[in-house]
Amino acid sequence: MNSKLYKLIFMILGIFTLGYMIYKLGLAEIVSDIEKTGFWFFPIIGSWLLIYILNAMAFRQIIQEPALPHSNLPFLTVLRLTVTGYAINYITPFVALGGEPYRIMELKKTLGIHKATSSVLLYGMMHVFSHIIFWLLSIFLILAVVPLDNTLLAGCIIAFFIGLGITFWFLSIYKKGFTVSTFKMLQKVPFIKHKATKFLEEKSESLHEVDDQIRILYAERKSRFLKSLLYEILARVITCAEIYFTAIAIGLNMSIMEALIISSASSLFANIIFFFPMQLGVREGGLALALRSVGLPAEAGIFIGIIMRIREIVWIMIGFIWIRLARQKGVDSKLQ
């Protein structure tokens, strides 16, 4: 797809989704809720700037290679691609993946298509992998802080072993790659096996190169792999800040530990059901369940969920303004 047409489509989609979210929440309700949070609204928005900075630091660790001087992109460029990519993901229906093609299109101008594709793919894997590690760590926090009955205890144990299994699966992917093996598996699937075979034959060299980049990051660039993972986990931890700040704003007696548990549990629930733009109707349920699990009123989850949506709207607007400014300055046609 032509890059200009792609950007136009997502710009239109972004404006439509943004307008729909504002309409659903109600402009008066948004203003009222911002007023209720008062001063704390600014730390809520600001906490996500820190999160995006950590995300960009993780992304930059993956992009940079000492042997490729042109991969040493300015941090502001990587931060722009991080914020704008997530802004597109927020408004993309079905699995929120629109930001990845956008990042690849922007990076390929400097890095080439193979390096751009592998960098974006590796960062996406790292982002998901950090979620899994964060959820595993949260289980220990839940066991230490939350009073559990037998059912919840069994659920934590099952979740831990499932998470552990996924962790080992990710590590095997980092050791062996997965693009070639995935298309070989698709060759056995009815209705798509012929297309998968044709694609594998045509793009075999490119797919092997992407797999090589995956293996190299884990095997030969281990320090960058670990730094990227650490930055992403820290970003996940800081996501609890908006829940904590919102709780303070409405006079809810919540500790930092409880905010971490609520952030982890609601995030897990929202990512299990990921087929809707901005997880419409899902997040509030996850927040309510998480609040109830730590002995806090479930109804507070509705207000916290609304504030989180308002925060998303703000950062979607920032992301699309940044895309527009970048185009006006010619940054989109040439990465600095």
Protein backbone atom coordinates (compact mmCIF):
# COMPACT_ATOMS: atom_id res chain seq x y z
CA MET A 1 0.00 0.00 0.00
CA ASN A 2 1.22 3.49 -0.85
CA SER A 3 2.62 5.09 2.31
CA LYS A 4 0.72 8.36 1.80
CA LEU A 5 -2.55 6.45 1.35
CA TYR A 6 -1.79 4.35 4.44
CA LYS A 7 -1.21 7.46 6.55
CA LEU A 8 -4.36 9.10 5.19
CA ILE A 9 -6.46 6.02 6.03
CA PHE A 10 -5.19 5.90 9.60
CA MET A 11 -5.51 9.64 10.01
CA ILE A 12 -9.18 9.40 9.01
CA LEU A 13 -9.66 6.30 11.20
CA GLY A 14 -7.97 8.08 14.10
CA ILE A 15 -10.16 11.17 13.81
CA PHE A 16 -13.31 9.01 13.54
CA THR A 17 -12.39 6.83 16.54
CA LEU A 18 -11.36 9.83 18.60
CA GLY A 19 -14.65 11.55 17.80
CA TYR A 20 -16.59 8.37 18.62
CA MET A 21 -14.85 8.00 21.99
CA ILE A 22 -15.54 11.64 22.89
CA TYR A 23 -19.17 11.18 21.80
CA LYS A 24 -19.57 7.98 23.87
CA LEU A 25 -18.03 9.51 26.97
CA GLY A 26 -19.72 12.86 26.45
CA LEU A 27 -17.79 16.11 26.34
CA ALA A 28 -19.54 17.39 29.49
CA GLU A 29 -18.68 14.13 31.33
CA ILE A 30 -15.03 14.41 30.24
CA VAL A 31 -14.78 17.99 31.50
CA SER A 32 -16.54 17.04 34.74
CA ASP A 33 -14.23 14.09 35.40
CA ILE A 34 -11.13 16.16 34.68
CA GLU A 35 -12.40 18.72 37.20
CA LYS A 36 -12.93 15.93 39.76
CA THR A 37 -9.33 14.77 39.42
CA GLY A 38 -8.14 18.39 39.72
CA PHE A 39 -4.36 18.81 39.94
CA TRP A 40 -3.85 15.04 39.75
CA PHE A 41 -4.94 15.00 36.11
CA PHE A 42 -1.52 16.42 35.11
CA PRO A 43 0.55 13.71 36.88
CA ILE A 44 -1.76 11.11 35.30
CA ILE A 45 -1.01 12.44 31.81
CA GLY A 46 2.66 13.03 32.69
CA SER A 47 3.18 9.49 33.97
CA TRP A 48 2.58 8.24 30.45
CA LEU A 49 5.27 10.51 29.07
CA LEU A 50 7.70 8.67 31.35
CA ILE A 51 6.24 5.34 30.20
CA TYR A 52 6.69 6.27 26.53
CA ILE A 53 10.25 7.44 27.20
CA LEU A 54 11.05 4.02 28.72
CA ASN A 55 9.33 2.30 25.77
CA ALA A 56 11.43 4.37 23.37
CA MET A 57 14.62 3.52 25.30
CA ALA A 58 13.72 -0.18 24.96
CA PHE A 59 12.98 0.24 21.24
CA ARG A 60 16.26 2.11 20.66
CA GLN A 61 18.26 -0.68 22.34
CA ILE A 62 16.87 -3.07 19.73
CA ILE A 63 17.33 -0.74 16.74
CA GLN A 64 20.95 0.23 17.44
CA GLU A 65 23.77 -2.01 16.22
CA PRO A 66 27.43 -0.93 16.53
CA ALA A 67 28.16 -2.44 13.12
CA LEU A 68 25.43 -0.29 11.52
CA PRO A 69 26.17 3.42 12.14
CA HIS A 70 22.95 4.46 10.38
CA SER A 71 20.98 2.55 13.05
CA ASN A 72 22.04 5.10 15.68
CA LEU A 73 18.83 7.11 15.35
CA PRO A 74 18.23 10.24 17.48
CA PHE A 75 16.27 9.45 20.62
CA LEU A 76 13.55 11.99 19.73
CA THR A 77 12.96 10.17 16.44
CA VAL A 78 12.48 6.85 18.26
CA LEU A 79 10.23 8.54 20.84
CA ARG A 80 8.12 10.01 18.03
CA LEU A 81 7.68 6.58 16.43
CA THR A 82 6.85 5.11 19.84
CA VAL A 83 4.15 7.64 20.71
CA THR A 84 2.63 7.82 17.21
CA GLY A 85 2.71 4.03 16.81
CA TYR A 86 0.81 3.51 20.05
CA ALA A 87 -1.63 6.29 19.10
CA ILE A 88 -2.44 4.36 15.91
CA ASN A 89 -2.70 1.10 17.87
CA TYR A 90 -5.26 2.68 20.24
CA ILE A 91 -7.63 3.43 17.37
CA THR A 92 -7.01 0.32 15.27
CA PRO A 93 -9.94 -2.13 15.36
CA PHE A 94 -9.05 -5.81 15.89
CA VAL A 95 -5.85 -6.63 17.75
CA ALA A 96 -4.43 -3.07 17.62
CA LEU A 97 -1.59 -3.61 15.18
CA GLY A 98 -1.81 -0.58 12.90
CA GLY A 99 1.15 1.14 14.51
CA GLU A 100 3.61 -1.60 13.53
CA PRO A 101 3.30 -1.15 9.73
CA TYR A 102 3.56 2.61 10.27
CA ARG A 103 6.81 2.22 12.22
CA ILE A 104 8.22 -0.13 9.57
CA MET A 105 7.41 2.34 6.79
CA GLU A 106 9.14 5.15 8.66
CA LEU A 107 12.22 3.12 9.66
CA LYS A 108 12.79 1.48 6.28
CA LYS A 109 13.78 4.86 4.80
CA THR A 110 16.94 4.78 6.91
CA LEU A 111 17.38 1.16 7.98
CA GLY A 112 16.12 -0.74 4.95
CA ILE A 113 13.08 -3.01 4.91
CA HIS A 114 14.69 -6.05 6.55
CA LYS A 115 16.26 -4.21 9.49
CA ALA A 116 13.13 -2.06 9.93
CA THR A 117 10.85 -5.11 9.93
CA SER A 118 13.00 -7.12 12.33
CA SER A 119 13.41 -4.12 14.70
CA VAL A 120 9.67 -3.47 14.89
CA LEU A 121 8.92 -7.18 15.23
CA LEU A 122 11.53 -7.61 17.97
CA TYR A 123 10.22 -4.61 19.88
CA GLY A 124 6.66 -5.93 19.63
CA MET A 125 7.85 -9.27 20.99
CA MET A 126 9.73 -7.52 23.80
CA HIS A 127 6.65 -5.48 24.69
CA VAL A 128 4.55 -8.64 25.01
CA PHE A 129 7.32 -10.58 26.77
CA SER A 130 7.65 -7.83 29.40
CA HIS A 131 3.90 -8.09 30.03
CA ILE A 132 4.29 -11.79 30.77
CA ILE A 133 7.21 -11.19 33.16
CA PHE A 134 5.27 -8.38 34.86
CA TRP A 135 2.23 -10.63 35.33
CA LEU A 136 4.42 -13.40 36.78
CA LEU A 137 6.01 -10.98 39.25
CA SER A 138 2.54 -9.66 40.14
CA ILE A 139 1.41 -13.13 41.17
CA PHE A 140 4.02 -13.12 43.97
CA LEU A 141 2.79 -9.67 44.99
CA ILE A 142 -0.81 -10.91 45.08
CA LEU A 143 0.17 -13.90 47.22
CA ALA A 144 1.96 -11.57 49.65
CA VAL A 145 -0.69 -8.83 49.90
CA VAL A 146 -4.16 -10.14 49.01
CA PRO A 147 -6.12 -12.49 51.31
CA LEU A 148 -6.89 -15.47 49.09
CA ASP A 149 -9.44 -18.22 49.34
CA ASN A 150 -8.74 -21.64 47.85
CA THR A 151 -10.27 -20.75 44.48
CA LEU A 152 -8.16 -17.61 44.01
CA LEU A 153 -5.05 -19.41 45.24
CA ALA A 154 -5.60 -22.17 42.69
CA GLY A 155 -6.16 -19.53 40.00
CA CYS A 156 -2.84 -17.85 40.88
CA ILE A 157 -0.98 -21.16 40.75
CA ILE A 158 -2.50 -22.05 37.36
CA ALA A 159 -1.77 -18.55 36.01
CA PHE A 160 1.83 -18.81 37.22
CA PHE A 161 2.50 -22.09 35.42
CA ILE A 162 0.78 -20.87 32.26
CA GLY A 163 2.89 -17.70 32.37
CA LEU A 164 6.01 -19.77 32.99
CA GLY A 165 5.19 -21.92 29.96
CA ILE A 166 4.72 -18.84 27.78
CA THR A 167 8.04 -17.45 29.06
CA PHE A 168 9.92 -20.58 27.97
CA TRP A 169 8.10 -20.47 24.62
CA PHE A 170 9.27 -16.87 24.10
CA LEU A 171 12.85 -17.85 24.98
CA SER A 172 12.72 -20.65 22.41
CA ILE A 173 11.55 -18.13 19.80
CA TYR A 174 14.45 -15.85 20.67
CA LYS A 175 16.86 -18.78 20.26
CA LYS A 176 15.42 -20.18 17.00
CA GLY A 177 13.34 -17.45 15.35
CA PHE A 178 9.79 -18.11 14.25
CA THR A 179 8.86 -16.49 10.91
CA VAL A 180 10.06 -19.37 8.70
CA SER A 181 8.63 -22.05 11.01
CA THR A 182 5.31 -20.17 11.18
CA PHE A 183 4.91 -20.16 7.40
CA LYS A 184 5.95 -23.81 7.23
CA MET A 185 3.16 -24.54 9.70
CA LEU A 186 0.71 -22.48 7.60
CA GLN A 187 1.59 -24.67 4.61
CA LYS A 188 -0.40 -27.43 6.31
CA VAL A 189 -3.51 -25.32 6.90
CA PRO A 190 -6.35 -25.85 4.38
CA PHE A 191 -7.43 -22.89 2.20
CA ILE A 192 -4.27 -20.87 2.88
CA LYS A 193 -1.53 -23.46 2.39
CA HIS A 194 -0.98 -22.57 -1.30
CA LYS A 195 -0.63 -18.86 -0.53
CA ALA A 196 1.66 -19.65 2.41
CA THR A 197 3.83 -21.86 0.19
CA LYS A 198 4.05 -19.18 -2.50
CA PHE A 199 4.90 -16.48 0.05
CA LEU A 200 7.57 -18.68 1.66
CA GLU A 201 9.16 -19.39 -1.71
CA GLU A 202 9.16 -15.71 -2.72
CA LYS A 203 10.22 -14.25 0.63
CA SER A 204 12.38 -17.08 1.98
CA GLU A 205 15.56 -14.97 2.07
CA SER A 206 13.81 -12.08 3.85
CA LEU A 207 12.16 -14.38 6.40
CA HIS A 208 15.47 -16.10 7.18
CA GLU A 209 17.09 -12.69 7.64
CA VAL A 210 14.37 -11.63 10.10
CA ASP A 211 14.87 -14.90 12.03
CA ASP A 212 18.61 -14.25 12.09
CA GLN A 213 18.01 -10.81 13.61
CA ILE A 214 15.81 -12.40 16.31
CA ARG A 215 18.50 -14.95 17.18
CA ILE A 216 21.31 -12.37 17.11
CA LEU A 217 19.55 -10.07 19.58
CA TYR A 218 19.26 -12.83 22.16
CA ALA A 219 22.53 -14.67 21.51
CA GLU A 220 25.02 -11.95 20.55
CA ARG A 221 23.48 -8.71 21.86
CA LYS A 222 22.42 -10.07 25.25
CA SER A 223 23.14 -6.84 27.14
CA ARG A 224 20.86 -4.88 24.81
CA PHE A 225 18.22 -7.61 25.10
CA LEU A 226 18.29 -7.39 28.91
CA LYS A 227 18.32 -3.58 28.95
CA SER A 228 15.35 -3.46 26.58
CA LEU A 229 13.46 -5.96 28.74
CA LEU A 230 14.27 -3.99 31.91
CA TYR A 231 13.04 -0.71 30.41
CA GLU A 232 9.80 -2.37 29.32
CA ILE A 233 9.20 -3.94 32.75
CA LEU A 234 9.84 -0.57 34.43
CA ALA A 235 7.32 0.99 32.05
CA ARG A 236 4.78 -1.66 33.06
CA VAL A 237 5.39 -0.91 36.75
CA ILE A 238 4.89 2.82 36.22
CA THR A 239 1.48 2.23 34.60
CA CYS A 240 0.14 1.79 38.13
CA ALA A 241 0.79 5.51 38.71
CA GLU A 242 -2.34 6.69 36.90
CA ILE A 243 -4.49 4.31 38.96
CA TYR A 244 -2.80 5.47 42.17
CA PHE A 245 -3.09 9.19 41.30
CA THR A 246 -6.77 8.78 40.33
CA ALA A 247 -7.47 6.98 43.60
CA ILE A 248 -5.88 9.85 45.53
CA ALA A 249 -7.99 12.36 43.56
CA ILE A 250 -11.26 10.69 44.57
CA GLY A 251 -10.20 10.01 48.17
CA LEU A 252 -9.81 6.25 47.77
CA ASN A 253 -7.48 4.69 50.34
CA MET A 254 -5.22 2.75 48.00
CA SER A 255 -1.59 1.74 48.54
CA ILE A 256 1.10 1.58 45.84
CA MET A 257 1.13 -2.22 46.17
CA GLU A 258 -2.63 -2.37 45.61
CA ALA A 259 -2.27 -0.07 42.60
CA LEU A 260 0.33 -2.45 41.14
CA ILE A 261 -1.98 -5.44 41.63
CA ILE A 262 -4.94 -3.60 40.10
CA SER A 263 -2.83 -2.44 37.15
CA SER A 264 -1.53 -5.95 36.51
CA ALA A 265 -4.90 -7.70 36.88
CA SER A 266 -6.85 -5.21 34.75
CA SER A 267 -4.11 -5.24 32.10
CA LEU A 268 -4.20 -9.04 31.94
CA PHE A 269 -7.99 -9.03 31.56
CA ALA A 270 -7.90 -6.33 28.85
CA ASN A 271 -5.20 -8.15 26.88
CA ILE A 272 -7.08 -11.45 26.96
CA ILE A 273 -9.96 -9.70 25.19
CA PHE A 274 -8.05 -7.59 22.68
CA PHE A 275 -10.39 -7.44 19.67
CA PHE A 276 -11.86 -3.99 20.30
CA PRO A 277 -10.34 -0.54 19.77
CA MET A 278 -9.40 0.84 23.20
CA GLN A 279 -10.94 -2.35 24.79
CA LEU A 280 -14.43 -0.89 24.73
CA GLY A 281 -16.49 -2.31 27.61
CA VAL A 282 -13.66 -4.54 28.84
CA ARG A 283 -11.34 -2.40 30.92
CA GLU A 284 -13.94 -1.20 33.41
CA GLY A 285 -14.92 -4.80 34.16
CA GLY A 286 -11.29 -5.75 34.73
CA LEU A 287 -10.75 -2.76 37.02
CA ALA A 288 -13.89 -3.54 39.01
CA LEU A 289 -12.81 -7.15 39.55
CA ALA A 290 -9.28 -6.11 40.52
CA LEU A 291 -10.52 -3.46 42.96
CA ARG A 292 -12.87 -5.94 44.59
CA SER A 293 -10.06 -8.49 44.97
CA VAL A 294 -8.06 -6.07 47.16
CA GLY A 295 -11.09 -5.05 49.22
CA LEU A 296 -11.82 -1.71 47.52
CA PRO A 297 -15.22 -0.63 46.11
CA ALA A 298 -15.71 -2.07 42.63
CA GLU A 299 -17.71 0.97 41.46
CA ALA A 300 -14.54 3.08 41.66
CA GLY A 301 -13.34 1.07 38.66
CA ILE A 302 -15.81 2.90 36.45
CA PHE A 303 -14.36 6.32 37.29
CA ILE A 304 -10.76 5.08 37.03
CA GLY A 305 -11.59 3.49 33.67
CA ILE A 306 -13.08 6.76 32.38
CA ILE A 307 -9.99 8.72 33.44
CA MET A 308 -7.81 6.15 31.67
CA ARG A 309 -9.87 6.62 28.50
CA ILE A 310 -9.52 10.40 28.75
CA ARG A 311 -5.75 9.91 29.12
CA GLU A 312 -5.78 7.76 25.98
CA ILE A 313 -7.72 10.44 24.10
CA VAL A 314 -5.13 13.04 25.13
CA TRP A 315 -2.23 10.88 23.96
CA ILE A 316 -4.00 9.93 20.72
CA MET A 317 -4.35 13.65 20.02
CA ILE A 318 -0.68 14.21 20.88
CA GLY A 319 0.32 11.30 18.62
CA PHE A 320 -1.65 12.50 15.61
CA ILE A 321 -0.52 16.10 16.10
CA TRP A 322 3.07 14.78 16.14
CA ILE A 323 2.44 12.87 12.90
CA ARG A 324 1.09 16.04 11.33
CA LEU A 325 3.99 18.19 12.53
CA ALA A 326 6.50 15.60 11.32
CA ARG A 327 4.95 15.61 7.86
CA GLN A 328 5.00 19.40 7.72
CA LYS A 329 8.69 19.46 8.66
CA GLY A 330 9.53 16.71 6.20
CA VAL A 331 10.62 14.28 8.90
CA ASP A 332 8.33 11.57 7.56
CA SER A 333 10.16 11.57 4.23
CA LYS A 334 13.59 11.40 5.83
CA LEU A 335 14.39 10.17 9.31
CA GLN A 336 16.90 12.41 10.97
